[in-house]
């Protein structure tokens, strides 16, 4: 039984090693790097856009916490009178 367990462990490590080699080669391919770079740039751009859009709600929350005025959290829209934290 110990031999079988040892052999299974050896096979598992060898297969994982081979898989890591193949995955590394695929990820290093220029045809994969280009779309990966585009994806990362788009994620960064989208994250910035979302952060800017959500800032109004963050300001409202901070105002509500600071003043205890919870009605500011139920205001509709994103314009005017949101209780800026500055």
N, C-alpha and C. Protein backbone atom coordinates (compact mmCIF):
# COMPACT_ATOMS: atom_id res chain seq x y z
N UNK A 1 0.82 -1.20 0.00
CA UNK A 1 0.00 0.00 0.00
C UNK A 1 0.87 1.27 0.00
N UNK A 2 2.00 1.23 0.74
CA UNK A 2 2.88 2.40 0.77
C UNK A 2 3.50 2.66 -0.60
N UNK A 3 3.82 1.61 -1.30
CA UNK A 3 4.40 1.76 -2.64
C UNK A 3 3.38 2.41 -3.57
N UNK A 4 2.14 1.96 -3.49
CA UNK A 4 1.08 2.51 -4.34
C UNK A 4 0.89 4.01 -4.04
N UNK A 5 0.89 4.37 -2.77
CA UNK A 5 0.73 5.77 -2.37
C UNK A 5 1.91 6.59 -2.88
N UNK A 6 3.12 6.04 -2.75
CA UNK A 6 4.31 6.75 -3.22
C UNK A 6 4.29 6.95 -4.73
N UNK A 7 3.89 5.91 -5.45
CA UNK A 7 3.80 6.00 -6.91
C UNK A 7 2.75 7.03 -7.31
N UNK A 8 1.60 6.99 -6.65
CA UNK A 8 0.54 7.95 -6.96
C UNK A 8 1.02 9.38 -6.71
N UNK A 9 1.73 9.59 -5.61
CA UNK A 9 2.27 10.93 -5.30
C UNK A 9 3.27 11.37 -6.35
N UNK A 10 4.14 10.46 -6.78
CA UNK A 10 5.12 10.78 -7.80
C UNK A 10 4.43 11.16 -9.12
N UNK A 11 3.45 10.38 -9.50
CA UNK A 11 2.72 10.66 -10.74
C UNK A 11 2.02 12.01 -10.65
N UNK A 12 1.38 12.27 -9.52
CA UNK A 12 0.66 13.53 -9.33
C UNK A 12 1.63 14.72 -9.45
N UNK A 13 2.79 14.63 -8.80
CA UNK A 13 3.78 15.72 -8.88
C UNK A 13 4.29 15.90 -10.31
N UNK A 14 4.52 14.79 -11.00
CA UNK A 14 5.01 14.88 -12.38
C UNK A 14 3.97 15.53 -13.29
N UNK A 15 2.73 15.13 -13.14
CA UNK A 15 1.66 15.70 -13.97
C UNK A 15 1.51 17.19 -13.69
N UNK A 16 1.54 17.57 -12.39
CA UNK A 16 1.45 19.00 -12.06
C UNK A 16 2.62 19.77 -12.65
N UNK A 17 3.81 19.20 -12.58
CA UNK A 17 4.98 19.86 -13.16
C UNK A 17 4.83 20.06 -14.65
N UNK A 18 4.36 19.03 -15.35
CA UNK A 18 4.14 19.15 -16.79
C UNK A 18 3.07 20.19 -17.11
N UNK A 19 2.01 20.19 -16.32
CA UNK A 19 0.92 21.16 -16.53
C UNK A 19 1.43 22.58 -16.33
N UNK A 20 2.25 22.80 -15.31
CA UNK A 20 2.80 24.14 -15.07
C UNK A 20 3.68 24.58 -16.24
N UNK A 21 4.44 23.66 -16.80
CA UNK A 21 5.30 23.98 -17.94
C UNK A 21 4.45 24.39 -19.14
N UNK A 22 3.41 23.64 -19.42
CA UNK A 22 2.53 23.93 -20.56
C UNK A 22 1.81 25.25 -20.35
N UNK A 23 1.27 25.45 -19.17
CA UNK A 23 0.54 26.70 -18.87
C UNK A 23 1.49 27.89 -19.00
N UNK A 24 2.71 27.75 -18.48
CA UNK A 24 3.69 28.83 -18.61
C UNK A 24 3.99 29.16 -20.06
N UNK A 25 4.13 28.13 -20.88
CA UNK A 25 4.40 28.36 -22.31
C UNK A 25 3.23 29.06 -22.99
N UNK A 26 2.03 28.65 -22.68
CA UNK A 26 0.85 29.28 -23.28
C UNK A 26 0.75 30.74 -22.87
N UNK A 27 0.93 31.02 -21.57
CA UNK A 27 0.82 32.39 -21.09
C UNK A 27 1.93 33.30 -21.62
N UNK A 28 3.07 32.72 -21.95
CA UNK A 28 4.18 33.51 -22.48
C UNK A 28 4.04 33.83 -23.97
N UNK A 29 3.15 33.15 -24.65
CA UNK A 29 2.96 33.35 -26.08
C UNK A 29 2.49 34.78 -26.37
N UNK A 30 3.10 35.46 -27.33
CA UNK A 30 2.69 36.83 -27.67
C UNK A 30 1.21 36.94 -28.04
N UNK A 31 0.67 35.90 -28.64
CA UNK A 31 -0.76 35.92 -28.99
C UNK A 31 -1.66 35.93 -27.78
N UNK A 32 -1.15 35.50 -26.65
CA UNK A 32 -1.91 35.53 -25.40
C UNK A 32 -1.59 36.82 -24.64
N UNK A 33 -0.36 37.28 -24.73
CA UNK A 33 0.06 38.48 -24.01
C UNK A 33 -0.70 39.73 -24.47
N UNK A 34 -0.92 39.85 -25.77
CA UNK A 34 -1.63 41.03 -26.31
C UNK A 34 -3.02 41.17 -25.72
N UNK A 35 -3.88 40.15 -25.85
CA UNK A 35 -5.22 40.29 -25.27
C UNK A 35 -5.18 40.43 -23.74
N UNK A 36 -4.20 39.81 -23.13
CA UNK A 36 -4.08 39.93 -21.67
C UNK A 36 -3.81 41.38 -21.29
N UNK A 37 -2.90 42.03 -22.03
CA UNK A 37 -2.62 43.44 -21.78
C UNK A 37 -3.83 44.32 -22.02
N UNK A 38 -4.55 44.04 -23.10
CA UNK A 38 -5.77 44.81 -23.39
C UNK A 38 -6.80 44.63 -22.27
N UNK A 39 -6.94 43.41 -21.79
CA UNK A 39 -7.89 43.13 -20.71
C UNK A 39 -7.51 43.87 -19.44
N UNK A 40 -6.23 43.84 -19.10
CA UNK A 40 -5.78 44.54 -17.88
C UNK A 40 -6.01 46.04 -17.98
N UNK A 41 -5.73 46.62 -19.16
CA UNK A 41 -5.96 48.07 -19.33
C UNK A 41 -7.44 48.40 -19.23
N UNK A 42 -8.30 47.56 -19.81
CA UNK A 42 -9.75 47.80 -19.76
C UNK A 42 -10.26 47.66 -18.33
N UNK A 43 -9.74 46.70 -17.59
CA UNK A 43 -10.15 46.53 -16.20
C UNK A 43 -9.77 47.77 -15.38
N UNK A 44 -8.58 48.30 -15.64
CA UNK A 44 -8.13 49.49 -14.93
C UNK A 44 -9.02 50.69 -15.27
N UNK A 45 -9.30 50.85 -16.56
CA UNK A 45 -10.15 51.97 -17.00
C UNK A 45 -11.55 51.85 -16.39
N UNK A 46 -12.13 50.66 -16.45
CA UNK A 46 -13.47 50.44 -15.91
C UNK A 46 -13.50 50.66 -14.40
N UNK A 47 -12.46 50.21 -13.73
CA UNK A 47 -12.38 50.41 -12.29
C UNK A 47 -12.36 51.88 -11.92
N UNK A 48 -11.60 52.67 -12.67
CA UNK A 48 -11.54 54.11 -12.43
C UNK A 48 -12.90 54.75 -12.67
N UNK A 49 -13.54 54.34 -13.75
CA UNK A 49 -14.86 54.88 -14.09
C UNK A 49 -15.87 54.56 -13.00
N UNK A 50 -15.86 53.32 -12.53
CA UNK A 50 -16.79 52.93 -11.47
C UNK A 50 -16.49 53.67 -10.17
N UNK A 51 -15.22 53.79 -9.85
CA UNK A 51 -14.84 54.49 -8.62
C UNK A 51 -15.37 55.93 -8.65
N UNK A 52 -15.19 56.61 -9.78
CA UNK A 52 -15.67 57.99 -9.90
C UNK A 52 -17.19 58.05 -9.77
N UNK A 53 -17.89 57.11 -10.39
CA UNK A 53 -19.35 57.11 -10.32
C UNK A 53 -19.88 56.79 -8.94
N UNK A 54 -19.15 55.98 -8.19
CA UNK A 54 -19.61 55.59 -6.86
C UNK A 54 -19.20 56.58 -5.77
N UNK A 55 -18.35 57.54 -6.11
CA UNK A 55 -17.89 58.50 -5.11
C UNK A 55 -19.04 59.28 -4.49
N UNK A 56 -20.07 59.60 -5.27
CA UNK A 56 -21.24 60.32 -4.75
C UNK A 56 -21.87 59.53 -3.61
N UNK A 57 -22.00 58.24 -3.80
CA UNK A 57 -22.62 57.41 -2.77
C UNK A 57 -21.71 57.28 -1.54
N UNK A 58 -20.41 57.23 -1.77
CA UNK A 58 -19.48 57.20 -0.65
C UNK A 58 -19.57 58.49 0.15
N UNK A 59 -19.67 59.63 -0.55
CA UNK A 59 -19.80 60.92 0.12
C UNK A 59 -21.08 60.97 0.95
N UNK A 60 -22.19 60.46 0.40
CA UNK A 60 -23.46 60.43 1.14
C UNK A 60 -23.35 59.58 2.40
N UNK A 61 -22.73 58.44 2.27
CA UNK A 61 -22.58 57.54 3.41
C UNK A 61 -21.74 58.22 4.50
N UNK A 62 -20.63 58.83 4.12
CA UNK A 62 -19.77 59.51 5.10
C UNK A 62 -20.52 60.64 5.78
N UNK A 63 -21.33 61.38 5.02
CA UNK A 63 -22.13 62.46 5.60
C UNK A 63 -23.14 61.89 6.60
N UNK A 64 -23.80 60.81 6.23
CA UNK A 64 -24.79 60.20 7.12
C UNK A 64 -24.14 59.71 8.41
N UNK A 65 -22.99 59.10 8.30
CA UNK A 65 -22.29 58.61 9.49
C UNK A 65 -21.85 59.78 10.36
N UNK A 66 -21.34 60.81 9.75
CA UNK A 66 -20.82 61.96 10.49
C UNK A 66 -21.93 62.74 11.19
N UNK A 67 -23.07 62.91 10.52
CA UNK A 67 -24.12 63.77 11.06
C UNK A 67 -25.29 63.02 11.66
N UNK A 68 -25.40 61.72 11.37
CA UNK A 68 -26.56 60.96 11.84
C UNK A 68 -27.80 61.19 10.99
N UNK A 69 -27.66 61.91 9.90
CA UNK A 69 -28.78 62.20 9.00
C UNK A 69 -28.93 61.08 7.98
N UNK A 70 -29.74 60.10 8.30
CA UNK A 70 -29.87 58.91 7.46
C UNK A 70 -30.68 59.15 6.19
N UNK A 71 -31.49 60.19 6.13
CA UNK A 71 -32.30 60.45 4.94
C UNK A 71 -31.43 60.72 3.72
N UNK A 72 -30.20 61.18 3.95
CA UNK A 72 -29.30 61.44 2.82
C UNK A 72 -29.01 60.15 2.04
N UNK A 73 -29.13 59.00 2.70
CA UNK A 73 -28.86 57.73 2.03
C UNK A 73 -29.98 57.30 1.09
N UNK A 74 -31.17 57.87 1.26
CA UNK A 74 -32.31 57.46 0.43
C UNK A 74 -32.60 58.42 -0.70
N UNK A 75 -31.82 59.45 -0.85
CA UNK A 75 -32.03 60.42 -1.94
C UNK A 75 -31.81 59.75 -3.28
N UNK A 76 -32.65 60.07 -4.24
CA UNK A 76 -32.51 59.51 -5.59
C UNK A 76 -31.51 60.29 -6.40
N UNK A 77 -31.05 59.69 -7.47
CA UNK A 77 -30.15 60.37 -8.41
C UNK A 77 -28.76 60.51 -7.84
N UNK A 78 -27.89 61.11 -8.67
CA UNK A 78 -26.51 61.29 -8.25
C UNK A 78 -26.15 62.76 -8.21
N UNK A 79 -27.08 63.62 -8.48
CA UNK A 79 -26.74 65.04 -8.54
C UNK A 79 -27.15 65.79 -7.29
N UNK A 80 -26.49 66.90 -7.07
CA UNK A 80 -26.82 67.92 -6.09
C UNK A 80 -27.21 67.49 -4.69
N UNK A 81 -26.57 68.13 -3.74
CA UNK A 81 -26.99 67.99 -2.33
C UNK A 81 -26.79 66.63 -1.73
N UNK A 82 -25.83 65.90 -2.20
CA UNK A 82 -25.58 64.58 -1.66
C UNK A 82 -24.84 64.58 -0.35
N UNK A 83 -24.55 65.75 0.20
CA UNK A 83 -23.84 65.79 1.46
C UNK A 83 -22.36 65.48 1.29
N UNK A 84 -21.70 66.31 0.54
CA UNK A 84 -20.28 66.09 0.26
C UNK A 84 -19.47 65.98 1.54
N UNK A 85 -18.52 65.05 1.56
CA UNK A 85 -17.69 64.84 2.73
C UNK A 85 -16.60 65.90 2.84
N UNK A 86 -16.40 66.73 1.81
CA UNK A 86 -15.33 67.71 1.90
C UNK A 86 -15.78 68.97 2.57
